[in-house]
Amino acid sequence: MRAVFSRAQFRRQPKRSKLRFDGLLFWGTDMSGQLNSIRSLFLDGPAGRLEALLNMGAEDATHAALVCHPHPLFGGTLHNKVVFHTMKALNSFGFPVLRFNFRGAGLSHGEHDHGNGELDDVRAALDWLDREFHLPLILAGFSFGAAVGLRVASPDVRVTEIIGLGLPVAAVDDRAYDFEFLQSCGKPKLFVSGDRDQFGPRAKLEGVVQALPEPKKLVIIEGADHFFEGRLRELRDAIEAWVKDTHAR
């Protein structure tokens, strides 16, 4: 299944928020007056502690989610805009959502390991979510975060759905990622990319997704580059629409 979104299909609905810091919790309210909180914490990772933020969910949450950030050697952190908007989309369903910095990024210990040790970082984050909430898990990753996160999530029985954003299917310099592991993944899969993604040429991405088993969906956002610059609203809407449809079945 493939969908193409144009910018004209969406209307931006900005939200205003007020935040205050209270120990390790950030408390905030959105325009509806609903109280939200963000927990700042460190996870026990295989190379030392991993800096993390948890956006708290509803008491009756049905799932918990993890969002993995893009390449740390090129500025990727848990504060990346795509990561943030993905968190907001998943959190809008009441899911608690965890973001963390890979080893060597931000305040996380260790050094970058070219996607090898980072696999264990993802496992540590999933383990923490599982212990904390005992809920089915959703994993979303952007770019490098998708290449690493989806590889861990695909065989993990605790993860029931996966989301790949800006999937880097084309080799970049000395970095090339293999997504053949997804060919054995029968979980619901969402892929969202821009039609101007320089690291995910549309024809090659469509070929990768076509080879995967159902259920799956590919959304191509018109006018969007790899970082969804100017198209973050459309990205968020695509995720929300897919989650709503997947959980309605």
Protein backbone atom coordinates (compact mmCIF):
# COMPACT_ATOMS: atom_id res chain seq x y z
CA MET A 1 0.00 0.00 0.00
CA ARG A 2 1.38 3.40 -0.93
CA ALA A 3 0.04 6.89 -0.33
CA VAL A 4 1.21 10.26 -1.59
CA PHE A 5 0.51 13.32 0.53
CA SER A 6 0.60 16.86 -0.78
CA ARG A 7 0.95 19.88 1.48
CA ALA A 8 -2.46 21.19 0.43
CA GLN A 9 -4.14 18.27 2.17
CA PHE A 10 -3.16 19.54 5.60
CA ARG A 11 -3.73 22.62 7.67
CA ARG A 12 -1.27 23.51 10.38
CA GLN A 13 -2.86 23.76 13.82
CA PRO A 14 -0.19 25.16 16.13
CA LYS A 15 -0.33 24.45 19.84
CA ARG A 16 0.91 26.66 22.58
CA SER A 17 2.39 25.27 25.73
CA LYS A 18 3.78 26.49 29.02
CA LEU A 19 6.44 24.46 30.80
CA ARG A 20 8.03 24.63 34.21
CA PHE A 21 10.87 22.54 35.58
CA ASP A 22 10.22 20.59 38.76
CA GLY A 23 13.13 18.32 39.69
CA LEU A 24 13.33 15.61 37.02
CA LEU A 25 9.85 16.34 35.68
CA PHE A 26 8.77 18.99 33.19
CA TRP A 27 5.11 19.82 33.60
CA GLY A 28 3.15 21.44 30.77
CA THR A 29 -0.35 22.11 29.51
CA ASP A 30 -1.56 22.15 25.93
CA MET A 31 -4.40 24.27 24.53
CA SER A 32 -6.98 21.79 25.81
CA GLY A 33 -5.70 22.33 29.35
CA GLN A 34 -4.51 18.72 29.63
CA LEU A 35 -1.53 18.30 31.95
CA ASN A 36 1.49 16.63 30.37
CA SER A 37 4.83 15.73 31.87
CA ILE A 38 8.29 14.89 30.61
CA ARG A 39 10.67 12.84 32.72
CA SER A 40 14.42 13.35 32.34
CA LEU A 41 16.43 10.25 33.19
CA PHE A 42 19.44 8.07 32.42
CA LEU A 43 19.21 4.46 31.27
CA ASP A 44 21.77 1.82 32.14
CA GLY A 45 23.39 1.13 28.77
CA PRO A 46 26.06 -1.39 27.77
CA ALA A 47 28.65 1.41 27.38
CA GLY A 48 27.49 3.45 30.36
CA ARG A 49 24.49 5.60 31.02
CA LEU A 50 22.24 6.79 28.19
CA GLU A 51 20.58 10.20 28.41
CA ALA A 52 16.82 9.94 27.87
CA LEU A 53 13.50 11.79 27.98
CA LEU A 54 10.17 10.11 28.64
CA ASN A 55 6.94 11.82 27.63
CA MET A 56 4.45 10.35 30.05
CA GLY A 57 1.33 8.65 28.72
CA ALA A 58 -2.22 8.03 29.86
CA GLU A 59 -2.98 5.74 32.80
CA ASP A 60 -4.88 3.43 30.45
CA ALA A 61 -2.21 3.43 27.72
CA THR A 62 -2.37 0.41 25.41
CA HIS A 63 1.21 0.70 24.08
CA ALA A 64 4.54 2.31 24.87
CA ALA A 65 6.88 3.66 22.20
CA LEU A 66 10.56 4.25 21.51
CA VAL A 67 11.91 6.79 18.99
CA CYS A 68 15.52 6.54 17.75
CA HIS A 69 17.40 9.60 16.49
CA PRO A 70 19.51 10.12 13.32
CA HIS A 71 23.28 9.84 12.95
CA PRO A 72 25.05 11.32 16.02
CA LEU A 73 28.19 12.24 14.06
CA PHE A 74 26.09 14.55 11.91
CA GLY A 75 24.19 16.34 14.67
CA GLY A 76 21.56 13.71 15.44
CA THR A 77 20.20 13.71 19.00
CA LEU A 78 16.96 13.02 20.84
CA HIS A 79 16.05 16.68 20.25
CA ASN A 80 15.95 16.29 16.45
CA LYS A 81 12.80 17.83 14.93
CA VAL A 82 11.69 14.65 13.20
CA VAL A 83 12.18 12.68 16.42
CA PHE A 84 10.22 15.31 18.36
CA HIS A 85 7.26 15.34 15.96
CA THR A 86 7.22 11.54 15.87
CA MET A 87 7.08 11.53 19.66
CA LYS A 88 4.20 14.02 19.59
CA ALA A 89 2.28 11.89 17.12
CA LEU A 90 2.61 8.73 19.22
CA ASN A 91 2.07 10.54 22.51
CA SER A 92 -1.21 11.96 21.18
CA PHE A 93 -2.69 8.45 21.55
CA GLY A 94 -1.77 8.38 25.23
CA PHE A 95 1.30 6.21 24.69
CA PRO A 96 4.32 6.92 26.91
CA VAL A 97 7.18 7.70 24.51
CA LEU A 98 10.88 7.33 25.25
CA ARG A 99 13.65 9.15 23.37
CA PHE A 100 17.30 8.59 24.16
CA ASN A 101 20.75 9.61 22.96
CA PHE A 102 22.90 6.89 21.47
CA ARG A 103 26.32 6.29 23.05
CA GLY A 104 28.57 9.31 22.66
CA ALA A 105 25.70 11.72 21.88
CA GLY A 106 24.62 14.45 24.27
CA LEU A 107 25.23 13.35 27.86
CA SER A 108 25.33 9.63 27.00
CA HIS A 109 28.51 7.75 27.87
CA GLY A 110 30.67 5.85 25.42
CA GLU A 111 31.78 6.48 21.85
CA HIS A 112 30.05 6.13 18.51
CA ASP A 113 30.34 2.53 17.25
CA HIS A 114 29.18 2.87 13.63
CA GLY A 115 25.85 1.16 14.21
CA ASN A 116 27.21 -1.90 15.99
CA GLY A 117 27.16 -1.09 19.71
CA GLU A 118 24.14 1.13 19.04
CA LEU A 119 22.11 -2.03 18.51
CA ASP A 120 22.68 -2.81 22.18
CA ASP A 121 21.68 0.75 23.09
CA VAL A 122 18.31 0.15 21.43
CA ARG A 123 17.93 -3.16 23.27
CA ALA A 124 18.66 -1.41 26.59
CA ALA A 125 15.97 1.19 25.85
CA LEU A 126 13.42 -1.47 24.91
CA ASP A 127 14.27 -3.42 28.06
CA TRP A 128 13.66 -0.31 30.16
CA LEU A 129 10.30 0.38 28.52
CA ASP A 130 9.25 -3.23 28.99
CA ARG A 131 10.17 -3.23 32.68
CA GLU A 132 8.55 0.15 33.27
CA PHE A 133 5.20 -0.37 31.53
CA HIS A 134 4.70 -4.06 30.60
CA LEU A 135 2.92 -2.98 27.41
CA PRO A 136 3.25 -3.88 23.73
CA LEU A 137 5.96 -1.69 22.20
CA ILE A 138 6.15 0.45 19.07
CA LEU A 139 9.55 1.40 17.66
CA ALA A 140 10.08 4.37 15.36
CA GLY A 141 13.43 5.43 13.94
CA PHE A 142 14.62 8.25 11.71
CA SER A 143 17.45 7.71 9.20
CA PHE A 144 20.36 6.11 11.14
CA GLY A 145 17.87 5.52 13.95
CA ALA A 146 15.68 3.54 11.55
CA ALA A 147 18.60 1.48 10.22
CA VAL A 148 19.64 0.54 13.75
CA GLY A 149 16.31 0.51 15.55
CA LEU A 150 14.34 -1.53 13.03
CA ARG A 151 17.06 -4.19 12.95
CA VAL A 152 16.58 -4.72 16.69
CA ALA A 153 12.81 -4.35 16.70
CA SER A 154 12.05 -6.68 13.80
CA PRO A 155 12.75 -9.96 15.66
CA ASP A 156 11.83 -8.67 19.15
CA VAL A 157 8.48 -10.20 20.11
CA ARG A 158 7.79 -7.31 22.50
CA VAL A 159 7.67 -4.86 19.58
CA THR A 160 4.36 -5.13 17.73
CA GLU A 161 4.70 -2.29 15.19
CA ILE A 162 7.60 -0.50 13.51
CA ILE A 163 7.94 2.88 11.83
CA GLY A 164 10.81 3.83 9.52
CA LEU A 165 11.24 7.50 8.67
CA GLY A 166 13.63 8.73 5.99
CA LEU A 167 14.89 5.19 5.44
CA PRO A 168 18.48 5.56 4.13
CA VAL A 169 18.34 3.00 1.34
CA ALA A 170 21.09 4.69 -0.72
CA ALA A 171 24.77 4.51 0.23
CA VAL A 172 26.17 7.77 1.61
CA ASP A 173 29.96 8.09 1.50
CA ASP A 174 31.18 5.04 3.42
CA ARG A 175 27.81 4.43 5.06
CA ALA A 176 25.51 1.81 3.54
CA TYR A 177 22.61 0.07 5.26
CA ASP A 178 21.06 -3.29 4.41
CA PHE A 179 17.33 -3.72 5.02
CA GLU A 180 16.94 -7.32 3.88
CA PHE A 181 16.22 -8.27 7.50
CA LEU A 182 12.79 -6.68 7.07
CA GLN A 183 11.81 -9.34 4.54
CA SER A 184 11.06 -11.70 7.41
CA CYS A 185 9.13 -9.12 9.44
CA GLY A 186 5.38 -9.74 9.44
CA LYS A 187 4.59 -6.92 11.86
CA PRO A 188 2.66 -3.80 10.77
CA LYS A 189 5.19 -1.49 9.12
CA LEU A 190 4.97 2.18 8.22
CA PHE A 191 7.54 3.96 6.07
CA VAL A 192 7.44 7.71 5.51
CA SER A 193 9.84 9.56 3.24
CA GLY A 194 9.98 12.67 1.10
CA ASP A 195 10.01 12.59 -2.69
CA ARG A 196 13.17 14.71 -2.52
CA ASP A 197 14.99 12.55 0.02
CA GLN A 198 18.62 12.55 -1.10
CA PHE A 199 19.40 9.47 0.98
CA GLY A 200 16.29 7.51 -0.03
CA PRO A 201 15.63 7.74 -3.78
CA ARG A 202 11.97 7.04 -4.37
CA ALA A 203 12.42 4.20 -6.88
CA LYS A 204 14.87 2.35 -4.67
CA LEU A 205 12.74 2.86 -1.55
CA GLU A 206 9.66 1.57 -3.35
CA GLY A 207 11.63 -1.50 -4.40
CA VAL A 208 12.71 -2.18 -0.82
CA VAL A 209 9.17 -1.84 0.53
CA GLN A 210 7.64 -3.87 -2.30
CA ALA A 211 9.76 -6.86 -1.28
CA LEU A 212 8.43 -6.83 2.30
CA PRO A 213 5.53 -8.90 3.60
CA GLU A 214 2.21 -7.34 4.55
CA PRO A 215 0.99 -5.48 6.50
CA LYS A 216 2.94 -2.45 5.30
CA LYS A 217 2.38 1.10 4.13
CA LEU A 218 4.63 3.56 2.33
CA VAL A 219 3.79 7.25 2.48
CA ILE A 220 5.62 9.63 0.16
CA ILE A 221 5.34 13.30 1.14
CA GLU A 222 5.60 15.61 -1.84
CA GLY A 223 8.20 18.33 -1.61
CA ALA A 224 9.89 16.84 1.46
CA ASP A 225 13.62 16.27 1.71
CA HIS A 226 15.38 13.80 4.01
CA PHE A 227 14.75 16.00 7.06
CA PHE A 228 11.12 16.81 6.17
CA GLU A 229 12.01 20.50 6.27
CA GLY A 230 8.76 22.46 6.03
CA ARG A 231 6.75 19.21 5.96
CA LEU A 232 6.83 18.13 9.61
CA ARG A 233 3.08 18.61 9.97
CA GLU A 234 2.48 16.19 7.11
CA LEU A 235 4.90 13.71 8.67
CA ARG A 236 3.06 13.81 11.95
CA ASP A 237 -0.33 13.46 10.28
CA ALA A 238 0.88 10.43 8.32
CA ILE A 239 1.99 8.69 11.52
CA GLU A 240 -1.22 9.51 13.36
CA ALA A 241 -3.39 8.31 10.48
CA TRP A 242 -1.51 5.01 10.29
CA VAL A 243 -1.63 4.37 14.04
CA LYS A 244 -5.35 5.13 14.09
CA ASP A 245 -5.99 2.77 11.17
CA THR A 246 -3.74 0.00 12.53
CA HIS A 247 -5.34 0.04 15.98
CA ALA A 248 -8.86 0.15 14.57
CA ARG A 249 -8.46 -3.32 13.07
